[in-house]
Amino acid sequence: MSDVLQAIYRGDRGEAERHAAGRELDIFEASALGRTERVRELLDADPSLVNRYGEDGFHPVGLASFFGHLETARLLYERGADANQLARNEHIQTAAIHAAAAAEGKDEGTRYELVRLALEHGADPDLEQGGGFRAIDAARQNGDARVEQLLLDHGATGSDPTRAGA
């Protein structure tokens, strides 16, 4: 995995930016850093990158969503990103809607817009990531009442469907 991604995963945006300086970022690095124009260049050259998996199992729209980059996520959806594609990471099998609802270090307004964008592009509001966690669970965990209501308005079930009758 690249030093840029390692730094951003550790939450060190400054170090990630230092590693990114002066080099051509790949689709995963550019998505995680919110470099929309670089993502556009890469997709213009190779449209198949939009739903590709990185060596860590994450996909571009999930990275853009988790790190709170609305314009980058919008571009990826416009270019055909699958809103229901689950990551293949050995620890976290998340889709963009889960990443959006849990967007690291972002406020509820940003998470709301990212979730809304995912829903507008066909995200299943009840899609389970690995382990059964849903976007509504992340919204509740964060205390994001607006995000929770948005998901309910789009058909998410209020209770955990895997625990019905338990």
Protein backbone atom coordinates (compact mmCIF):
# COMPACT_ATOMS: atom_id res chain seq x y z
CA MET A 1 0.00 0.00 0.00
CA SER A 2 1.26 3.47 -0.80
CA ASP A 3 2.73 5.83 1.77
CA VAL A 4 -0.02 8.34 0.88
CA LEU A 5 -2.78 5.89 1.80
CA GLN A 6 -0.95 4.66 4.89
CA ALA A 7 -0.71 8.25 6.16
CA ILE A 8 -4.32 9.12 5.42
CA TYR A 9 -5.54 5.89 7.04
CA ARG A 10 -3.60 6.89 10.17
CA GLY A 11 -5.40 10.24 10.09
CA ASP A 12 -2.29 12.23 9.20
CA ARG A 13 -3.50 14.39 6.32
CA GLY A 14 -0.36 16.55 6.47
CA GLU A 15 1.93 13.59 5.99
CA ALA A 16 -0.30 12.24 3.22
CA GLU A 17 -0.05 15.59 1.44
CA ARG A 18 3.74 15.61 1.84
CA HIS A 19 3.99 12.14 0.31
CA ALA A 20 1.62 13.20 -2.50
CA ALA A 21 3.58 16.33 -3.39
CA GLY A 22 5.22 16.21 -6.80
CA ARG A 23 3.97 12.81 -7.87
CA GLU A 24 1.12 11.50 -9.95
CA LEU A 25 -1.47 9.99 -7.64
CA ASP A 26 -3.28 6.79 -8.53
CA ILE A 27 -7.10 6.56 -8.47
CA PHE A 28 -7.18 5.39 -4.84
CA GLU A 29 -4.85 8.08 -3.51
CA ALA A 30 -6.60 10.80 -5.50
CA SER A 31 -10.02 9.63 -4.28
CA ALA A 32 -8.92 9.47 -0.64
CA LEU A 33 -7.38 12.95 -0.85
CA GLY A 34 -10.29 14.47 -2.77
CA ARG A 35 -8.24 15.37 -5.83
CA THR A 36 -11.23 15.55 -8.17
CA GLU A 37 -9.31 16.80 -11.21
CA ARG A 38 -6.75 14.02 -10.90
CA VAL A 39 -9.59 11.47 -10.62
CA ARG A 40 -11.13 12.98 -13.76
CA GLU A 41 -7.81 12.66 -15.65
CA LEU A 42 -7.41 9.05 -14.62
CA LEU A 43 -10.98 8.13 -15.57
CA ASP A 44 -10.65 9.91 -18.91
CA ALA A 45 -7.61 7.72 -19.61
CA ASP A 46 -9.13 4.49 -18.23
CA PRO A 47 -12.87 4.47 -17.37
CA SER A 48 -12.58 0.96 -15.89
CA LEU A 49 -10.79 2.41 -12.86
CA VAL A 50 -14.10 3.65 -11.47
CA ASN A 51 -15.02 0.31 -9.85
CA ARG A 52 -11.54 -1.15 -9.43
CA TYR A 53 -10.29 -2.44 -6.08
CA GLY A 54 -7.05 -1.27 -4.55
CA GLU A 55 -4.54 -3.68 -3.09
CA ASP A 56 -6.17 -3.09 0.31
CA GLY A 57 -9.59 -4.03 -1.08
CA PHE A 58 -11.17 -0.57 -1.11
CA HIS A 59 -12.73 1.13 -4.14
CA PRO A 60 -12.51 4.79 -5.18
CA VAL A 61 -16.05 5.95 -4.33
CA GLY A 62 -15.83 4.34 -0.90
CA LEU A 63 -12.56 6.15 -0.22
CA ALA A 64 -13.91 9.50 -1.44
CA SER A 65 -17.03 9.01 0.69
CA PHE A 66 -15.25 7.93 3.87
CA PHE A 67 -12.85 10.84 3.72
CA GLY A 68 -15.68 13.30 3.04
CA HIS A 69 -14.96 14.39 -0.53
CA LEU A 70 -18.39 15.18 -1.99
CA GLU A 71 -17.25 16.48 -5.40
CA THR A 72 -14.91 13.54 -5.93
CA ALA A 73 -17.67 11.09 -4.99
CA ARG A 74 -20.09 12.91 -7.33
CA LEU A 75 -17.65 12.59 -10.24
CA LEU A 76 -17.11 8.89 -9.54
CA TYR A 77 -20.88 8.26 -9.52
CA GLU A 78 -21.30 10.27 -12.72
CA ARG A 79 -18.64 8.05 -14.30
CA GLY A 80 -20.42 4.85 -13.27
CA ALA A 81 -19.30 3.99 -9.74
CA ASP A 82 -21.47 1.21 -8.32
CA ALA A 83 -23.18 2.58 -5.21
CA ASN A 84 -23.67 -0.95 -3.84
CA GLN A 85 -20.17 -2.30 -4.47
CA LEU A 86 -18.75 -3.78 -1.27
CA ALA A 87 -15.08 -3.42 -0.45
CA ARG A 88 -13.01 -6.58 -0.39
CA ASN A 89 -10.86 -5.52 2.53
CA GLU A 90 -10.22 -8.42 4.90
CA HIS A 91 -11.52 -6.40 7.88
CA ILE A 92 -14.13 -4.02 6.42
CA GLN A 93 -16.51 -4.94 3.61
CA THR A 94 -18.17 -1.55 3.30
CA ALA A 95 -20.03 0.16 0.45
CA ALA A 96 -20.02 3.88 -0.27
CA ILE A 97 -23.23 4.46 1.69
CA HIS A 98 -21.68 2.99 4.83
CA ALA A 99 -18.51 5.00 4.30
CA ALA A 100 -20.58 8.16 3.77
CA ALA A 101 -22.62 7.62 6.94
CA ALA A 102 -19.41 7.10 8.91
CA ALA A 103 -17.28 9.74 7.11
CA GLU A 104 -14.22 10.23 9.25
CA GLY A 105 -13.87 13.59 10.96
CA LYS A 106 -16.76 15.14 9.03
CA ASP A 107 -19.84 16.89 10.34
CA GLU A 108 -23.39 15.65 9.97
CA GLY A 109 -24.05 18.00 7.06
CA THR A 110 -21.23 16.48 5.03
CA ARG A 111 -22.30 12.95 5.91
CA TYR A 112 -25.89 13.82 4.97
CA GLU A 113 -24.86 15.09 1.53
CA LEU A 114 -22.65 12.06 0.90
CA VAL A 115 -25.42 9.64 1.91
CA ARG A 116 -27.95 11.57 -0.20
CA LEU A 117 -25.59 11.37 -3.18
CA ALA A 118 -25.18 7.60 -2.73
CA LEU A 119 -28.96 7.15 -2.52
CA GLU A 120 -29.47 9.27 -5.66
CA HIS A 121 -27.13 6.89 -7.46
CA GLY A 122 -28.96 3.73 -6.44
CA ALA A 123 -27.49 2.80 -3.07
CA ASP A 124 -29.63 0.33 -1.16
CA PRO A 125 -30.52 2.09 2.14
CA ASP A 126 -30.56 -1.27 3.94
CA LEU A 127 -27.42 -2.76 2.37
CA GLU A 128 -25.43 -4.68 4.94
CA GLN A 129 -21.69 -4.49 5.03
CA GLY A 130 -19.64 -7.38 6.35
CA GLY A 131 -20.88 -8.19 9.84
CA GLY A 132 -24.41 -6.92 9.15
CA PHE A 133 -23.77 -3.24 9.96
CA ARG A 134 -25.92 -0.83 7.91
CA ALA A 135 -25.65 2.88 7.14
CA ILE A 136 -28.50 3.61 9.54
CA ASP A 137 -26.47 1.96 12.30
CA ALA A 138 -23.58 4.34 11.58
CA ALA A 139 -25.98 7.31 11.58
CA ARG A 140 -27.35 6.25 14.96
CA GLN A 141 -23.87 5.64 16.31
CA ASN A 142 -22.91 9.20 15.29
CA GLY A 143 -26.16 10.71 16.58
CA ASP A 144 -26.96 11.93 13.05
CA ALA A 145 -30.73 12.30 13.22
CA ARG A 146 -30.96 13.92 9.76
CA VAL A 147 -28.95 11.13 8.14
CA GLU A 148 -31.05 8.53 9.94
CA GLN A 149 -34.27 10.19 8.73
CA LEU A 150 -32.92 10.44 5.18
CA LEU A 151 -32.26 6.71 5.18
CA LEU A 152 -35.70 5.95 6.63
CA ASP A 153 -37.29 8.20 3.99
CA HIS A 154 -35.54 6.12 1.33
CA GLY A 155 -36.78 2.81 2.69
CA ALA A 156 -34.30 1.76 5.34
CA THR A 157 -35.90 -0.35 8.01
CA GLY A 158 -35.91 1.15 11.45
CA SER A 159 -34.86 -2.05 13.15
CA ASP A 160 -32.01 -4.40 12.41
CA PRO A 161 -33.46 -6.91 9.89
CA THR A 162 -30.94 -9.56 10.95
CA ARG A 163 -32.34 -9.51 14.48
CA ALA A 164 -36.01 -9.85 13.61
CA GLY A 165 -37.73 -12.10 16.07
CA ALA A 166 -34.70 -12.20 18.36
